[in-house]
Every structure is written in structure tokens, then in C-alpha cells.
PDB file of N, CA and C in Angstrom:
ATOM      1  N   MET A   1     255.552 183.404 146.259  1.00  0.00           N
ATOM      2  CA  MET A   1     254.956 182.204 146.789  1.00  0.00           C
ATOM      3  C   MET A   1     254.270 182.569 148.090  1.00  0.00           C
ATOM      4  N   TRP A   2     253.109 182.010 148.329  1.00  0.00           N
ATOM      5  CA  TRP A   2     252.368 182.227 149.562  1.00  0.00           C
ATOM      6  C   TRP A   2     252.036 180.868 150.155  1.00  0.00           C
ATOM      7  N   VAL A   3     252.285 180.721 151.447  1.00  0.00           N
ATOM      8  CA  VAL A   3     251.955 179.477 152.141  1.00  0.00           C
ATOM      9  C   VAL A   3     251.121 179.806 153.357  1.00  0.00           C
ATOM     10  N   THR A   4     250.229 178.886 153.746  1.00  0.00           N
ATOM     11  CA  THR A   4     249.387 179.139 154.906  1.00  0.00           C
ATOM     12  C   THR A   4     250.187 179.123 156.198  1.00  0.00           C
ATOM     13  N   ASP A   5     251.237 178.331 156.250  1.00  0.00           N
ATOM     14  CA  ASP A   5     252.059 178.230 157.454  1.00  0.00           C
ATOM     15  C   ASP A   5     253.521 178.100 157.033  1.00  0.00           C
ATOM     16  N   ALA A   6     254.223 179.217 157.005  1.00  0.00           N
ATOM     17  CA  ALA A   6     255.603 179.238 156.507  1.00  0.00           C
ATOM     18  C   ALA A   6     256.540 178.363 157.331  1.00  0.00           C
ATOM     19  N   ILE A   7     256.271 178.231 158.614  1.00  0.00           N
ATOM     20  CA  ILE A   7     257.154 177.439 159.475  1.00  0.00           C
ATOM     21  C   ILE A   7     257.095 175.961 159.118  1.00  0.00           C
ATOM     22  N   SER A   8     255.936 175.461 158.738  1.00  0.00           N
ATOM     23  CA  SER A   8     255.856 174.034 158.421  1.00  0.00           C
ATOM     24  C   SER A   8     256.051 173.730 156.939  1.00  0.00           C
ATOM     25  N   TYR A   9     256.251 174.750 156.089  1.00  0.00           N
ATOM     26  CA  TYR A   9     256.456 174.495 154.660  1.00  0.00           C
ATOM     27  C   TYR A   9     257.723 173.676 154.407  1.00  0.00           C
ATOM     28  N   ALA A  10     258.847 174.085 154.982  1.00  0.00           N
ATOM     29  CA  ALA A  10     260.127 173.403 154.717  1.00  0.00           C
ATOM     30  C   ALA A  10     260.087 171.924 155.096  1.00  0.00           C
ATOM     31  N   PRO A  11     259.579 171.563 156.284  1.00  0.00           N
ATOM     32  CA  PRO A  11     259.523 170.130 156.601  1.00  0.00           C
ATOM     33  C   PRO A  11     258.607 169.351 155.658  1.00  0.00           C
ATOM     34  N   TRP A  12     257.458 169.932 155.296  1.00  0.00           N
ATOM     35  CA  TRP A  12     256.550 169.244 154.378  1.00  0.00           C
ATOM     36  C   TRP A  12     257.181 169.097 152.999  1.00  0.00           C
ATOM     37  N   ALA A  13     257.904 170.114 152.546  1.00  0.00           N
ATOM     38  CA  ALA A  13     258.588 170.036 151.257  1.00  0.00           C
ATOM     39  C   ALA A  13     259.670 168.958 151.296  1.00  0.00           C
ATOM     40  N   ALA A  14     260.392 168.865 152.406  1.00  0.00           N
ATOM     41  CA  ALA A  14     261.430 167.839 152.546  1.00  0.00           C
ATOM     42  C   ALA A  14     260.825 166.438 152.532  1.00  0.00           C
ATOM     43  N   VAL A  15     259.704 166.270 153.219  1.00  0.00           N
ATOM     44  CA  VAL A  15     259.030 164.967 153.240  1.00  0.00           C
ATOM     45  C   VAL A  15     258.548 164.596 151.841  1.00  0.00           C
ATOM     46  N   GLU A  16     257.958 165.553 151.129  1.00  0.00           N
ATOM     47  CA  GLU A  16     257.482 165.285 149.768  1.00  0.00           C
ATOM     48  C   GLU A  16     258.643 164.949 148.838  1.00  0.00           C
ATOM     49  N   ALA A  17     259.753 165.674 148.959  1.00  0.00           N
ATOM     50  CA  ALA A  17     260.929 165.384 148.136  1.00  0.00           C
ATOM     51  C   ALA A  17     261.459 163.982 148.434  1.00  0.00           C
ATOM     52  N   ALA A  18     261.542 163.622 149.709  1.00  0.00           N
ATOM     53  CA  ALA A  18     262.021 162.286 150.086  1.00  0.00           C
ATOM     54  C   ALA A  18     261.091 161.207 149.549  1.00  0.00           C
ATOM     55  N   ARG A  19     259.779 161.444 149.643  1.00  0.00           N
ATOM     56  CA  ARG A  19     258.808 160.475 149.133  1.00  0.00           C
ATOM     57  C   ARG A  19     259.021 160.239 147.638  1.00  0.00           C
ATOM     58  N   ARG A  20     259.226 161.324 146.897  1.00  0.00           N
ATOM     59  CA  ARG A  20     259.431 161.199 145.452  1.00  0.00           C
ATOM     60  C   ARG A  20     260.765 160.532 145.126  1.00  0.00           C
ATOM     61  N   LEU A  21     261.811 160.883 145.866  1.00  0.00           N
ATOM     62  CA  LEU A  21     263.121 160.270 145.626  1.00  0.00           C
ATOM     63  C   LEU A  21     263.090 158.772 145.891  1.00  0.00           C
ATOM     64  N   LEU A  22     262.475 158.384 147.007  1.00  0.00           N
ATOM     65  CA  LEU A  22     262.385 156.963 147.343  1.00  0.00           C
ATOM     66  C   LEU A  22     261.509 156.209 146.348  1.00  0.00           C
ATOM     67  N   GLY A  23     260.593 156.934 145.704  1.00  0.00           N
ATOM     68  CA  GLY A  23     259.735 156.326 144.693  1.00  0.00           C
ATOM     69  C   GLY A  23     260.381 156.242 143.322  1.00  0.00           C
ATOM     70  N   GLY A  24     261.630 156.711 143.205  1.00  0.00           N
ATOM     71  CA  GLY A  24     262.357 156.603 141.950  1.00  0.00           C
ATOM     72  C   GLY A  24     262.276 157.827 141.060  1.00  0.00           C
ATOM     73  N   ASP A  25     261.676 158.914 141.535  1.00  0.00           N
ATOM     74  CA  ASP A  25     261.531 160.138 140.736  1.00  0.00           C
ATOM     75  C   ASP A  25     262.774 161.006 140.916  1.00  0.00           C
ATOM     76  N   ARG A  26     263.888 160.599 140.264  1.00  0.00           N
ATOM     77  CA  ARG A  26     265.134 161.343 140.440  1.00  0.00           C
ATOM     78  C   ARG A  26     266.087 161.082 139.282  1.00  0.00           C
ATOM     79  N   ARG A  27     267.101 161.914 139.222  1.00  0.00           N
ATOM     80  CA  ARG A  27     268.208 161.749 138.278  1.00  0.00           C
ATOM     81  C   ARG A  27     269.498 161.819 139.081  1.00  0.00           C
ATOM     82  N   ALA A  28     270.555 161.271 138.533  1.00  0.00           N
ATOM     83  CA  ALA A  28     271.843 161.290 139.228  1.00  0.00           C
ATOM     84  C   ALA A  28     272.401 162.703 139.277  1.00  0.00           C
ATOM     85  N   GLY A  29     273.105 163.035 140.364  1.00  0.00           N
ATOM     86  CA  GLY A  29     273.755 164.335 140.497  1.00  0.00           C
ATOM     87  C   GLY A  29     272.912 165.348 141.250  1.00  0.00           C
ATOM     88  N   PHE A  30     273.495 166.533 141.432  1.00  0.00           N
ATOM     89  CA  PHE A  30     272.812 167.594 142.162  1.00  0.00           C
ATOM     90  C   PHE A  30     271.926 168.387 141.218  1.00  0.00           C
ATOM     91  N   GLU A  31     270.720 168.648 141.618  1.00  0.00           N
ATOM     92  CA  GLU A  31     269.776 169.460 140.845  1.00  0.00           C
ATOM     93  C   GLU A  31     268.885 170.214 141.828  1.00  0.00           C
ATOM     94  N   ALA A  32     268.377 171.330 141.401  1.00  0.00           N
ATOM     95  CA  ALA A  32     267.390 172.060 142.202  1.00  0.00           C
ATOM     96  C   ALA A  32     266.084 171.267 142.208  1.00  0.00           C
ATOM     97  N   SER A  33     265.298 171.410 143.264  1.00  0.00           N
ATOM     98  CA  SER A  33     264.050 170.646 143.369  1.00  0.00           C
ATOM     99  C   SER A  33     263.120 170.910 142.192  1.00  0.00           C
ATOM    100  N   ALA A  34     263.053 172.135 141.706  1.00  0.00           N
ATOM    101  CA  ALA A  34     262.184 172.440 140.565  1.00  0.00           C
ATOM    102  C   ALA A  34     262.637 171.707 139.305  1.00  0.00           C
ATOM    103  N   ARG A  35     263.941 171.520 139.135  1.00  0.00           N
ATOM    104  CA  ARG A  35     264.430 170.811 137.951  1.00  0.00           C
ATOM    105  C   ARG A  35     264.133 169.315 138.059  1.00  0.00           C
ATOM    106  N   VAL A  36     264.264 168.752 139.245  1.00  0.00           N
ATOM    107  CA  VAL A  36     264.031 167.320 139.425  1.00  0.00           C
ATOM    108  C   VAL A  36     262.544 166.993 139.401  1.00  0.00           C
ATOM    109  N   PHE A  37     261.745 167.761 140.153  1.00  0.00           N
ATOM    110  CA  PHE A  37     260.332 167.438 140.336  1.00  0.00           C
ATOM    111  C   PHE A  37     259.387 168.271 139.478  1.00  0.00           C
ATOM    112  N   GLY A  38     259.923 169.232 138.735  1.00  0.00           N
ATOM    113  CA  GLY A  38     259.083 170.087 137.896  1.00  0.00           C
ATOM    114  C   GLY A  38     258.835 171.437 138.542  1.00  0.00           C
ATOM    115  N   ILE A  39     258.484 172.419 137.703  1.00  0.00           N
ATOM    116  CA  ILE A  39     258.341 173.780 138.218  1.00  0.00           C
ATOM    117  C   ILE A  39     257.150 173.938 139.158  1.00  0.00           C
ATOM    118  N   GLY A  40     256.231 173.010 139.157  1.00  0.00           N
ATOM    119  CA  GLY A  40     255.079 173.095 140.046  1.00  0.00           C
ATOM    120  C   GLY A  40     255.282 172.416 141.385  1.00  0.00           C
ATOM    121  N   PHE A  41     256.516 171.988 141.680  1.00  0.00           N
ATOM    122  CA  PHE A  41     256.766 171.247 142.926  1.00  0.00           C
ATOM    123  C   PHE A  41     256.297 172.003 144.160  1.00  0.00           C
ATOM    124  N   ALA A  42     256.616 173.288 144.249  1.00  0.00           N
ATOM    125  CA  ALA A  42     256.243 174.062 145.441  1.00  0.00           C
ATOM    126  C   ALA A  42     254.741 174.027 145.676  1.00  0.00           C
ATOM    127  N   GLU A  43     253.966 174.043 144.602  1.00  0.00           N
ATOM    128  CA  GLU A  43     252.514 174.056 144.740  1.00  0.00           C
ATOM    129  C   GLU A  43     251.929 172.702 145.127  1.00  0.00           C
ATOM    130  N   THR A  44     252.736 171.643 145.133  1.00  0.00           N
ATOM    131  CA  THR A  44     252.227 170.350 145.579  1.00  0.00           C
ATOM    132  C   THR A  44     252.155 170.275 147.097  1.00  0.00           C
ATOM    133  N   ILE A  45     252.765 171.237 147.781  1.00  0.00           N
ATOM    134  CA  ILE A  45     252.707 171.289 149.239  1.00  0.00           C
ATOM    135  C   ILE A  45     251.401 171.987 149.613  1.00  0.00           C
ATOM    136  N   ALA A  46     250.602 171.339 150.439  1.00  0.00           N
ATOM    137  CA  ALA A  46     249.284 171.860 150.814  1.00  0.00           C
ATOM    138  C   ALA A  46     249.372 173.297 151.315  1.00  0.00           C
ATOM    139  N   GLY A  47     248.452 174.141 150.852  1.00  0.00           N
ATOM    140  CA  GLY A  47     248.384 175.524 151.302  1.00  0.00           C
ATOM    141  C   GLY A  47     249.322 176.472 150.587  1.00  0.00           C
ATOM    142  N   THR A  48     249.969 176.028 149.499  1.00  0.00           N
ATOM    143  CA  THR A  48     250.934 176.861 148.785  1.00  0.00           C
ATOM    144  C   THR A  48     250.356 177.322 147.456  1.00  0.00           C
ATOM    145  N   THR A  49     250.514 178.608 147.163  1.00  0.00           N
ATOM    146  CA  THR A  49     250.131 179.146 145.857  1.00  0.00           C
ATOM    147  C   THR A  49     251.256 180.042 145.359  1.00  0.00           C
ATOM    148  N   ILE A  50     251.416 180.109 144.045  1.00  0.00           N
ATOM    149  CA  ILE A  50     252.409 180.975 143.422  1.00  0.00           C
ATOM    150  C   ILE A  50     251.676 182.178 142.852  1.00  0.00           C
ATOM    151  N   THR A  51     252.151 183.367 143.181  1.00  0.00           N
ATOM    152  CA  THR A  51     251.528 184.599 142.706  1.00  0.00           C
ATOM    153  C   THR A  51     252.559 185.426 141.962  1.00  0.00           C
ATOM    154  N   ASP A  52     252.247 185.820 140.735  1.00  0.00           N
ATOM    155  CA  ASP A  52     253.111 186.718 139.965  1.00  0.00           C
ATOM    156  C   ASP A  52     252.737 188.152 140.304  1.00  0.00           C
ATOM    157  N   TYR A  53     253.729 188.962 140.624  1.00  0.00           N
ATOM    158  CA  TYR A  53     253.468 190.367 140.950  1.00  0.00           C
ATOM    159  C   TYR A  53     253.885 191.249 139.827  1.00  0.00           C
TER     160      TYR A  53
END
């Protein structure tokens, strides 16, 4: 994963996750963010790309 600003990625990801949870995009219990929001969740954060090596 590559992000333009690694320091601000975590807060932006947390805000996006909270926005989705408050909007009803969730299931009961503990799950990883990729399982709840889909495997492309990380790429929904501005400036993030996934690169396969």
C-alpha cells in the first residue's frame, strides 16, 4: 500500500470507518475493516493506492 501522507492516513481511515458505521454499513461483532467495508476500503482514502510486488 502506498499513501501520499502516511501520518494522516490512520485518522482519515478512522473518520471514513466512523462515517460508514454511523450510516448503517456494519454487521454485529468484531470484524476487520476489509471484511466489513470490502477489500477496497483502504483505497477509498484519498492518496492511497495498492501495489502488488
